[in-house]
Amino acid sequence: MTKYLHKNKPTDAGIMLVDIIVALALAAVFVTSMSESFLSAQSLFWRSRQIDQLLSSTTLAVSTKVYGNDRIEVNTLGLPIVRVGLATTTNLLENVAQPLCSVDFMNHSIVGSNKSSSTSHILAHIIPIVVPINPSVPLTDLQVRNGIAYISANSSTVSDPDLFTLDFRDRTYPKILSSINTGPGIVAIALSGNRIYAASQSTENHLNIVRLDRLDSMSLESNYRIPPPLNSTSTTRASSIYYNDNKVYMGTEKWSGDGLSVIDVSRPQFPTRLGGLYLATKVNDVLVQGNFAYLADSDNKQMRVLNVTDPAHVSFQSIFLPSGGSRQDGKALSMFEGNLDLGRTSGGFDITSDHEFFIMNISTPPAPQLYALRSVNIPGGVYGIVQDRFRSYLATREVDKELQVFDRLSATTTLISSYSLPVAPQRMTCDGTHVYVLAATAPVIYEISFN
């Protein structure tokens, strides 16, 4: 018996040693994991706290800056963080108030360095995405979020749908997820949360609010009619729309009522008028930054700036009157980090001294005043603009130069590159690292990326 115990003693000791080593190893892993979790949690805590302080404050800290139209870029712990939109999302992460587009399409960065990137060699990758919609249906507006396109239409056939969601994550076989007929047609759309705000071509309901509980299900939630100044006044049609902070800013065609209406949509089932302003012109595009609304117009005042601090008392702030305004229309606006661009039509024929693209200066104190820093003549006119920190990307109707890229930092607004698209552009937008152009004459979306 004594011999048996003695024989197995080394084996017992070995097992105990292995158990101790395993225990120590597990303890080390546990301590490391706990340390990493603590550091990660601590980092998240401080990042969350800093963002919360930022969003809770009435003024922006020195370390923040405007990102795009309604975003704030915050540098915390050396990492840029972006507050996405002023509206909260619900079920559809694709839908936010404004698209989160790249700060530098050439470098494919969503948030990144302020350093200028090289533009010595630019290769554009252009992919046509054929939309499975009847080619006879005119498409009017486009928004894109994460591979989902939201497209409006204005068909001459009353029964045709006028709003579509399109899944084009498979570029070869895009498919319509849902569609709806809201009435006589839609001219422009804005997205926020799980709702689409549509500027209608109806003379009865100018704003249609469409709810998306799922991407494959749309329903008309409510509508709104701009009140005429007198019961006997002939009503109008909506022409443009912008969403910002639970408000819809709606431009109309020329009439004797409000050319810009501010509508409270904090309760989407019950949109209500907050105010407006008579303009005596058609508003082709609306953009809102802070307390000011920027309008691209059809009269000789090609761009107006309105003070909308108090929507019940909207007032004029400044105007921009370039030459050629008697025949050319303000058409497209774009603002990125305080940089404002204006595009306009050519008026049917090209007069080289009446330019179509303007890089604007906005003097802020005490409030925005406008003048053109630089301008460029573009035959055919400008129908869409997207910016990043260094360049402006234009959708034009200049033959064989339907996509043009300009250097914003150049003193002479240098054309970097131009590309041919086989159609006339209708609208232009962006999402992530891509630029998108909606065709005016065919059911096609062009997805554009750069090297």
Protein backbone atom coordinates (compact mmCIF):
# COMPACT_ATOMS: atom_id res chain seq x y z
CA MET A 1 0.00 0.00 0.00
CA THR A 2 2.79 2.34 0.90
CA LYS A 3 4.50 1.52 -2.36
CA TYR A 4 1.28 2.34 -4.35
CA LEU A 5 0.93 5.76 -2.74
CA HIS A 6 4.54 6.58 -3.29
CA LYS A 7 4.33 5.55 -6.92
CA ASN A 8 1.45 7.93 -7.71
CA LYS A 9 2.66 10.93 -5.72
CA PRO A 10 4.50 12.60 -8.66
CA THR A 11 1.37 12.24 -10.82
CA ASP A 12 -0.80 14.02 -8.23
CA ALA A 13 1.72 16.83 -7.98
CA GLY A 14 1.78 17.21 -11.77
CA ILE A 15 -1.97 17.46 -11.95
CA MET A 16 -1.99 20.06 -9.21
CA LEU A 17 0.71 22.05 -11.03
CA VAL A 18 -1.29 22.00 -14.27
CA ASP A 19 -4.39 23.11 -12.38
CA ILE A 20 -2.47 26.01 -10.85
CA ILE A 21 -1.08 27.10 -14.23
CA VAL A 22 -4.55 26.93 -15.83
CA ALA A 23 -6.03 28.89 -12.93
CA LEU A 24 -3.34 31.56 -13.21
CA ALA A 25 -3.85 31.78 -16.98
CA LEU A 26 -7.60 32.14 -16.57
CA ALA A 27 -7.06 34.77 -13.91
CA ALA A 28 -4.72 36.69 -16.22
CA VAL A 29 -7.26 36.51 -19.04
CA PHE A 30 -10.00 37.64 -16.67
CA VAL A 31 -7.93 40.56 -15.37
CA THR A 32 -7.00 41.60 -18.92
CA SER A 33 -10.59 41.32 -20.07
CA MET A 34 -11.82 43.31 -17.08
CA SER A 35 -9.18 45.97 -17.68
CA GLU A 36 -10.06 46.26 -21.34
CA SER A 37 -13.76 46.35 -20.53
CA PHE A 38 -13.14 49.01 -17.89
CA LEU A 39 -11.09 51.13 -20.30
CA SER A 40 -13.66 50.65 -23.05
CA ALA A 41 -16.53 51.49 -20.70
CA GLN A 42 -14.61 54.48 -19.36
CA SER A 43 -13.92 55.69 -22.90
CA LEU A 44 -17.56 55.27 -23.88
CA PHE A 45 -18.66 57.03 -20.69
CA TRP A 46 -16.50 60.08 -21.33
CA ARG A 47 -17.40 60.19 -25.00
CA SER A 48 -21.11 59.95 -24.14
CA ARG A 49 -20.76 62.58 -21.44
CA GLN A 50 -18.98 64.99 -23.76
CA ILE A 51 -21.57 64.51 -26.50
CA ASP A 52 -24.39 64.93 -23.98
CA GLN A 53 -22.84 68.15 -22.72
CA LEU A 54 -22.54 69.38 -26.28
CA LEU A 55 -26.10 68.58 -27.25
CA SER A 56 -27.49 69.96 -23.98
CA SER A 57 -25.68 73.28 -24.27
CA THR A 58 -27.14 76.27 -26.06
CA THR A 59 -23.82 77.22 -27.62
CA LEU A 60 -21.22 75.06 -29.33
CA ALA A 61 -17.90 74.52 -27.64
CA VAL A 62 -14.65 75.60 -29.30
CA SER A 63 -13.85 71.99 -30.16
CA THR A 64 -16.98 71.61 -32.31
CA LYS A 65 -17.87 72.68 -35.80
CA VAL A 66 -20.78 72.50 -38.16
CA TYR A 67 -20.72 69.37 -40.31
CA GLY A 68 -22.75 69.61 -43.48
CA ASN A 69 -26.13 71.28 -43.06
CA ASP A 70 -27.30 70.16 -39.65
CA ARG A 71 -24.56 68.08 -38.07
CA ILE A 72 -21.97 68.76 -35.45
CA GLU A 73 -18.51 67.23 -35.58
CA VAL A 74 -16.91 66.80 -32.17
CA ASN A 75 -13.30 65.83 -31.58
CA THR A 76 -13.21 63.67 -28.45
CA LEU A 77 -10.26 61.50 -27.42
CA GLY A 78 -8.75 62.17 -30.83
CA LEU A 79 -11.72 60.59 -32.62
CA PRO A 80 -14.22 62.60 -34.68
CA ILE A 81 -17.81 61.89 -33.69
CA VAL A 82 -20.76 63.09 -35.71
CA ARG A 83 -24.19 63.87 -34.40
CA VAL A 84 -26.42 62.53 -37.17
CA GLY A 85 -29.31 64.82 -37.91
CA LEU A 86 -31.60 66.90 -35.76
CA ALA A 87 -34.38 64.35 -35.83
CA THR A 88 -34.27 60.98 -34.13
CA THR A 89 -34.73 57.79 -36.09
CA THR A 90 -37.27 55.16 -35.12
CA ASN A 91 -37.50 51.91 -37.04
CA LEU A 92 -35.62 52.85 -40.19
CA LEU A 93 -31.96 53.67 -39.71
CA GLU A 94 -31.76 54.61 -43.40
CA ASN A 95 -33.91 57.68 -42.79
CA VAL A 96 -32.31 60.70 -41.14
CA ALA A 97 -33.00 64.38 -41.65
CA GLN A 98 -30.07 64.94 -44.02
CA PRO A 99 -27.74 62.41 -45.66
CA LEU A 100 -24.44 61.76 -43.91
CA CYS A 101 -22.06 62.36 -46.81
CA SER A 102 -18.30 62.19 -47.06
CA VAL A 103 -16.10 65.11 -46.09
CA ASP A 104 -13.81 64.06 -48.94
CA PHE A 105 -15.19 61.90 -51.74
CA MET A 106 -11.70 61.43 -53.17
CA ASN A 107 -10.43 59.87 -49.95
CA HIS A 108 -13.66 58.04 -49.08
CA SER A 109 -13.79 59.50 -45.60
CA ILE A 110 -17.04 60.23 -43.77
CA VAL A 111 -15.35 62.21 -41.02
CA GLY A 112 -11.68 62.98 -41.31
CA SER A 113 -8.80 65.34 -41.71
CA ASN A 114 -9.02 68.94 -42.82
CA LYS A 115 -5.94 68.41 -44.99
CA SER A 116 -6.55 68.93 -48.68
CA SER A 117 -6.28 65.81 -50.80
CA SER A 118 -4.52 65.57 -54.14
CA THR A 119 -6.59 66.19 -57.26
CA SER A 120 -3.86 65.53 -59.82
CA HIS A 121 -5.53 62.35 -61.03
CA ILE A 122 -9.24 61.69 -60.59
CA LEU A 123 -10.95 58.60 -61.88
CA ALA A 124 -14.74 58.52 -61.56
CA HIS A 125 -16.53 55.19 -61.38
CA ILE A 126 -20.04 55.70 -62.77
CA ILE A 127 -22.58 52.89 -62.37
CA PRO A 128 -26.02 53.26 -63.99
CA ILE A 129 -28.79 51.77 -61.85
CA VAL A 130 -31.89 51.13 -63.94
CA VAL A 131 -35.00 51.81 -61.88
CA PRO A 132 -37.84 49.35 -62.62
CA ILE A 133 -40.39 52.14 -63.13
CA ASN A 134 -42.34 52.88 -66.31
CA PRO A 135 -40.03 55.07 -68.46
CA SER A 136 -42.98 57.36 -69.29
CA VAL A 137 -43.27 58.41 -65.62
CA PRO A 138 -41.23 61.59 -64.94
CA LEU A 139 -39.04 61.18 -61.85
CA THR A 140 -38.71 64.40 -59.86
CA ASP A 141 -36.58 63.93 -56.73
CA LEU A 142 -34.18 61.51 -55.08
CA GLN A 143 -32.86 60.80 -51.60
CA VAL A 144 -30.53 57.89 -50.76
CA ARG A 145 -29.77 56.21 -47.44
CA ASN A 146 -27.56 53.10 -47.16
CA GLY A 147 -28.46 51.46 -50.45
CA ILE A 148 -32.14 52.47 -50.32
CA ALA A 149 -33.40 55.12 -52.72
CA TYR A 150 -36.51 57.21 -52.12
CA ILE A 151 -37.85 58.50 -55.42
CA SER A 152 -40.74 60.85 -56.20
CA ALA A 153 -42.61 61.11 -59.49
CA ASN A 154 -45.16 63.31 -61.22
CA SER A 155 -47.08 61.16 -63.67
CA SER A 156 -49.77 62.46 -65.99
CA THR A 157 -51.77 59.32 -65.16
CA VAL A 158 -53.78 59.84 -61.98
CA SER A 159 -53.62 56.20 -60.90
CA ASP A 160 -49.80 55.93 -61.10
CA PRO A 161 -47.74 55.80 -57.87
CA ASP A 162 -45.80 58.98 -57.14
CA LEU A 163 -43.49 57.76 -54.37
CA PHE A 164 -41.21 54.71 -54.38
CA THR A 165 -38.65 52.98 -52.17
CA LEU A 166 -35.97 51.16 -54.16
CA ASP A 167 -33.47 48.62 -52.85
CA PHE A 168 -30.38 48.86 -55.08
CA ARG A 169 -27.84 47.12 -52.86
CA ASP A 170 -27.70 44.63 -55.72
CA ARG A 171 -26.83 47.10 -58.49
CA THR A 172 -27.66 44.60 -61.22
CA TYR A 173 -31.14 43.74 -59.96
CA PRO A 174 -32.62 46.71 -58.07
CA LYS A 175 -36.14 46.15 -56.83
CA ILE A 176 -39.05 48.32 -55.78
CA LEU A 177 -39.85 47.63 -52.12
CA SER A 178 -42.96 49.78 -51.87
CA SER A 179 -44.89 52.51 -53.65
CA ILE A 180 -47.88 54.74 -53.03
CA ASN A 181 -50.16 57.11 -54.89
CA THR A 182 -50.57 60.26 -52.77
CA GLY A 183 -52.52 62.26 -55.37
CA PRO A 184 -51.69 64.23 -58.50
CA GLY A 185 -47.91 63.93 -58.17
CA ILE A 186 -44.88 64.95 -56.09
CA VAL A 187 -42.22 67.48 -57.03
CA ALA A 188 -39.81 67.19 -54.08
CA ILE A 189 -39.27 65.12 -50.92
CA ALA A 190 -37.52 65.33 -47.55
CA LEU A 191 -36.85 62.48 -45.09
CA SER A 192 -36.84 62.32 -41.32
CA GLY A 193 -37.20 59.34 -39.04
CA ASN A 194 -39.67 56.93 -40.59
CA ARG A 195 -41.52 59.63 -42.54
CA ILE A 196 -41.30 61.16 -45.98
CA TYR A 197 -42.44 64.76 -46.37
CA ALA A 198 -43.64 65.33 -49.92
CA ALA A 199 -44.26 68.60 -51.75
CA SER A 200 -47.39 67.82 -53.73
CA GLN A 201 -48.53 69.09 -57.12
CA SER A 202 -52.08 69.21 -55.78
CA THR A 203 -53.82 72.56 -55.39
CA GLU A 204 -55.73 71.14 -52.41
CA ASN A 205 -53.06 69.38 -50.33
CA HIS A 206 -49.60 70.90 -50.66
CA LEU A 207 -47.84 68.71 -48.08
CA ASN A 208 -48.31 64.95 -47.86
CA ILE A 209 -46.78 63.09 -44.93
CA VAL A 210 -46.08 59.43 -45.66
CA ARG A 211 -45.25 56.98 -42.88
CA LEU A 212 -42.94 54.01 -43.37
CA ASP A 213 -43.32 51.40 -40.66
CA ARG A 214 -41.21 49.13 -42.83
CA LEU A 215 -39.34 49.67 -46.06
CA ASP A 216 -41.93 47.54 -47.83
CA SER A 217 -44.93 49.39 -46.40
CA MET A 218 -45.97 53.01 -46.97
CA SER A 219 -49.13 54.75 -45.84
CA LEU A 220 -50.43 58.30 -46.21
CA GLU A 221 -50.55 59.62 -42.65
CA SER A 222 -51.77 63.20 -43.14
CA ASN A 223 -51.72 66.18 -45.45
CA TYR A 224 -51.72 69.95 -45.22
CA ARG A 225 -53.10 72.78 -47.35
CA ILE A 226 -51.43 76.19 -47.36
CA PRO A 227 -54.19 78.66 -46.45
CA PRO A 228 -54.88 81.30 -49.13
CA PRO A 229 -54.84 84.95 -48.07
CA LEU A 230 -58.51 85.26 -49.15
CA ASN A 231 -61.18 82.65 -49.72
CA SER A 232 -61.47 83.88 -53.29
CA THR A 233 -57.73 83.53 -53.97
CA SER A 234 -56.71 80.92 -56.52
CA THR A 235 -54.49 78.42 -54.76
CA THR A 236 -51.03 77.26 -55.85
CA ARG A 237 -48.76 74.21 -56.03
CA ALA A 238 -45.76 73.32 -53.92
CA SER A 239 -42.38 73.52 -55.64
CA SER A 240 -39.70 72.69 -53.01
CA ILE A 241 -39.31 71.37 -49.49
CA TYR A 242 -36.80 71.14 -46.63
CA TYR A 243 -37.05 69.48 -43.22
CA ASN A 244 -35.29 70.82 -40.14
CA ASP A 245 -35.94 70.34 -36.42
CA ASN A 246 -39.60 69.23 -36.56
CA LYS A 247 -40.43 71.88 -39.15
CA VAL A 248 -41.10 71.69 -42.86
CA TYR A 249 -40.10 74.68 -44.97
CA MET A 250 -42.18 74.60 -48.14
CA GLY A 251 -41.65 76.75 -51.23
CA THR A 252 -44.41 77.28 -53.76
CA GLU A 253 -45.00 78.49 -57.27
CA LYS A 254 -45.71 82.19 -57.74
CA TRP A 255 -49.05 83.30 -56.27
CA SER A 256 -50.57 85.90 -53.95
CA GLY A 257 -50.08 83.82 -50.79
CA ASP A 258 -47.03 82.66 -48.83
CA GLY A 259 -44.14 81.78 -51.13
CA LEU A 260 -42.44 80.12 -48.17
CA SER A 261 -44.47 78.39 -45.47
CA VAL A 262 -43.15 77.10 -42.15
CA ILE A 263 -45.13 74.08 -40.95
CA ASP A 264 -44.91 72.39 -37.56
CA VAL A 265 -44.71 68.62 -38.00
CA SER A 266 -43.77 67.70 -34.42
CA ARG A 267 -47.09 65.86 -34.44
CA PRO A 268 -47.07 64.41 -37.96
CA GLN A 269 -50.75 63.47 -37.76
CA PHE A 270 -51.64 67.15 -37.29
CA PRO A 271 -49.34 69.47 -39.28
CA THR A 272 -49.99 73.11 -38.42
CA ARG A 273 -48.95 76.46 -39.84
CA LEU A 274 -46.33 78.43 -37.90
CA GLY A 275 -45.89 81.27 -40.37
CA GLY A 276 -44.78 82.26 -43.83
CA LEU A 277 -43.90 85.11 -46.17
CA TYR A 278 -45.20 86.43 -49.48
CA LEU A 279 -42.48 86.34 -52.16
CA ALA A 280 -44.11 86.89 -55.59
CA THR A 281 -41.87 84.27 -57.21
CA LYS A 282 -41.45 80.52 -57.55
CA VAL A 283 -39.10 78.90 -55.02
CA ASN A 284 -37.07 76.15 -56.71
CA ASP A 285 -34.96 75.08 -53.74
CA VAL A 286 -34.92 75.62 -49.98
CA LEU A 287 -32.08 75.15 -47.52
CA VAL A 288 -32.14 75.98 -43.80
CA GLN A 289 -29.13 76.60 -41.58
CA GLY A 290 -29.67 77.80 -38.04
CA ASN A 291 -32.07 80.73 -37.96
CA PHE A 292 -31.93 81.43 -41.69
CA ALA A 293 -33.60 79.97 -44.78
CA TYR A 294 -31.86 80.22 -48.16
CA LEU A 295 -34.08 80.18 -51.24
CA ALA A 296 -33.22 79.67 -54.93
CA ASP A 297 -35.83 81.70 -56.79
CA SER A 298 -37.16 82.29 -60.29
CA ASP A 299 -37.23 86.08 -60.46
CA ASN A 300 -34.31 88.50 -60.74
CA LYS A 301 -33.62 87.94 -57.04
CA GLN A 302 -31.96 84.59 -57.70
CA MET A 303 -31.38 83.90 -54.01
CA ARG A 304 -33.08 85.23 -50.92
CA VAL A 305 -32.09 84.82 -47.29
CA LEU A 306 -34.94 84.89 -44.78
CA ASN A 307 -34.78 85.17 -41.01
CA VAL A 308 -36.90 82.32 -39.62
CA THR A 309 -35.93 82.71 -35.97
CA ASP A 310 -39.60 83.40 -35.22
CA PRO A 311 -41.64 81.48 -37.80
CA ALA A 312 -44.66 83.65 -37.03
CA HIS A 313 -42.70 86.68 -38.24
CA VAL A 314 -40.49 85.54 -41.12
CA SER A 315 -38.55 88.49 -42.52
CA PHE A 316 -36.15 89.32 -45.35
CA GLN A 317 -32.46 89.27 -44.49
CA SER A 318 -30.63 89.73 -47.79
CA ILE A 319 -30.86 89.04 -51.52
CA PHE A 320 -28.50 88.15 -54.37
CA LEU A 321 -29.10 89.73 -57.79
CA PRO A 322 -26.62 88.48 -60.43
CA SER A 323 -26.90 89.58 -64.04
CA GLY A 324 -29.24 87.55 -66.23
CA GLY A 325 -31.91 87.22 -63.56
CA SER A 326 -34.64 88.34 -65.93
CA ARG A 327 -34.35 85.05 -67.87
CA GLN A 328 -32.40 82.67 -65.63
CA ASP A 329 -33.74 80.88 -62.53
CA GLY A 330 -32.03 80.05 -59.28
CA LYS A 331 -32.18 76.26 -59.30
CA ALA A 332 -29.98 74.45 -56.76
CA LEU A 333 -28.43 75.23 -53.37
CA SER A 334 -25.79 73.42 -51.38
CA MET A 335 -24.22 74.25 -48.03
CA PHE A 336 -21.40 72.36 -46.35
CA GLU A 337 -19.72 73.58 -43.19
CA GLY A 338 -20.84 77.13 -43.86
CA ASN A 339 -19.84 77.14 -47.55
CA LEU A 340 -22.78 78.06 -49.78
CA ASP A 341 -23.09 77.32 -53.53
CA LEU A 342 -25.81 78.46 -55.94
CA GLY A 343 -26.59 76.93 -59.31
CA ARG A 344 -29.05 78.32 -61.84
CA THR A 345 -30.46 77.62 -65.29
CA SER A 346 -29.00 79.06 -68.46
CA GLY A 347 -32.24 80.71 -69.57
CA GLY A 348 -32.44 78.75 -72.80
CA PHE A 349 -29.25 80.02 -74.42
CA ASP A 350 -25.75 80.75 -73.25
CA ILE A 351 -24.57 84.27 -72.50
CA THR A 352 -21.01 83.82 -71.27
CA SER A 353 -21.12 86.85 -68.96
CA ASP A 354 -24.20 85.54 -67.10
CA HIS A 355 -22.75 82.71 -65.04
CA GLU A 356 -24.62 79.65 -63.78
CA PHE A 357 -22.46 78.54 -60.82
CA PHE A 358 -21.65 80.78 -57.85
CA ILE A 359 -19.50 80.16 -54.79
CA MET A 360 -21.00 82.50 -52.24
CA ASN A 361 -19.62 84.33 -49.26
CA ILE A 362 -21.82 84.47 -46.18
CA SER A 363 -20.85 87.23 -43.78
CA THR A 364 -22.39 86.24 -40.49
CA PRO A 365 -22.15 89.24 -38.15
CA PRO A 366 -24.78 90.31 -37.35
CA ALA A 367 -26.61 88.11 -39.88
CA PRO A 368 -25.95 86.59 -43.32
CA GLN A 369 -25.23 88.99 -46.18
CA LEU A 370 -24.48 87.55 -49.60
CA TYR A 371 -22.04 88.20 -52.39
CA ALA A 372 -20.32 85.95 -54.92
CA LEU A 373 -16.69 85.08 -54.26
CA ARG A 374 -16.28 83.37 -57.64
CA SER A 375 -18.53 82.27 -60.47
CA VAL A 376 -18.31 80.14 -63.61
CA ASN A 377 -20.21 80.08 -66.89
CA ILE A 378 -21.75 76.64 -67.50
CA PRO A 379 -23.83 76.27 -70.69
CA GLY A 380 -27.03 74.37 -70.02
CA GLY A 381 -27.21 75.37 -66.35
CA VAL A 382 -26.67 73.68 -63.00
CA TYR A 383 -29.37 71.35 -61.67
CA GLY A 384 -27.68 69.88 -58.61
CA ILE A 385 -24.72 70.54 -56.31
CA VAL A 386 -22.92 68.40 -53.74
CA GLN A 387 -19.89 69.63 -51.78
CA ASP A 388 -17.10 68.21 -49.72
CA ARG A 389 -14.42 70.21 -47.92
CA PHE A 390 -12.35 70.84 -51.01
CA ARG A 391 -14.57 70.52 -54.10
CA SER A 392 -17.99 71.18 -55.58
CA TYR A 393 -19.63 68.46 -57.67
CA LEU A 394 -22.14 69.75 -60.19
CA ALA A 395 -24.91 68.06 -62.17
CA THR A 396 -25.22 70.20 -65.30
CA ARG A 397 -26.95 70.13 -68.66
CA GLU A 398 -23.82 71.03 -70.56
CA VAL A 399 -23.50 68.42 -73.31
CA ASP A 400 -20.84 65.76 -72.59
CA LYS A 401 -20.05 67.50 -69.28
CA GLU A 402 -23.09 66.53 -67.24
CA LEU A 403 -20.91 65.92 -64.17
CA GLN A 404 -18.31 68.57 -63.32
CA VAL A 405 -15.91 68.83 -60.39
CA PHE A 406 -14.51 72.19 -59.26
CA ASP A 407 -11.74 73.02 -56.80
CA ARG A 408 -13.30 75.20 -54.10
CA LEU A 409 -9.92 76.31 -52.74
CA SER A 410 -8.71 77.71 -56.06
CA ALA A 411 -8.86 81.50 -56.42
CA THR A 412 -10.28 81.02 -59.92
CA THR A 413 -12.66 78.12 -59.21
CA THR A 414 -10.70 75.66 -61.33
CA LEU A 415 -12.51 72.88 -63.19
CA ILE A 416 -10.72 69.72 -62.08
CA SER A 417 -12.59 67.19 -64.17
CA SER A 418 -15.76 66.64 -66.18
CA TYR A 419 -17.61 63.47 -67.15
CA SER A 420 -20.26 62.62 -69.68
CA LEU A 421 -23.60 61.15 -68.67
CA PRO A 422 -25.95 59.96 -71.43
CA VAL A 423 -28.93 61.84 -69.94
CA ALA A 424 -29.87 65.28 -68.67
CA PRO A 425 -29.65 65.39 -64.85
CA GLN A 426 -32.76 66.08 -62.79
CA ARG A 427 -31.50 66.00 -59.20
CA MET A 428 -28.28 65.31 -57.34
CA THR A 429 -27.65 63.99 -53.84
CA CYS A 430 -25.07 62.03 -51.87
CA ASP A 431 -24.85 59.36 -49.22
CA GLY A 432 -21.72 58.01 -47.57
CA THR A 433 -18.86 58.07 -50.07
CA HIS A 434 -21.05 58.16 -53.17
CA VAL A 435 -22.68 60.88 -55.25
CA TYR A 436 -25.99 60.13 -56.98
CA VAL A 437 -27.58 61.75 -60.03
CA LEU A 438 -31.21 61.18 -60.98
CA ALA A 439 -31.84 61.30 -64.73
CA ALA A 440 -34.52 63.64 -66.09
CA THR A 441 -35.28 61.68 -69.25
CA ALA A 442 -35.00 58.03 -68.17
CA PRO A 443 -35.63 55.93 -65.03
CA VAL A 444 -31.93 55.74 -64.14
CA ILE A 445 -29.85 56.66 -61.09
CA TYR A 446 -26.11 57.14 -61.62
CA GLU A 447 -23.96 56.11 -58.67
CA ILE A 448 -20.61 57.91 -58.76
CA SER A 449 -17.51 57.25 -56.71
CA PHE A 450 -13.96 58.55 -57.08
CA ASN A 451 -10.54 57.00 -56.62
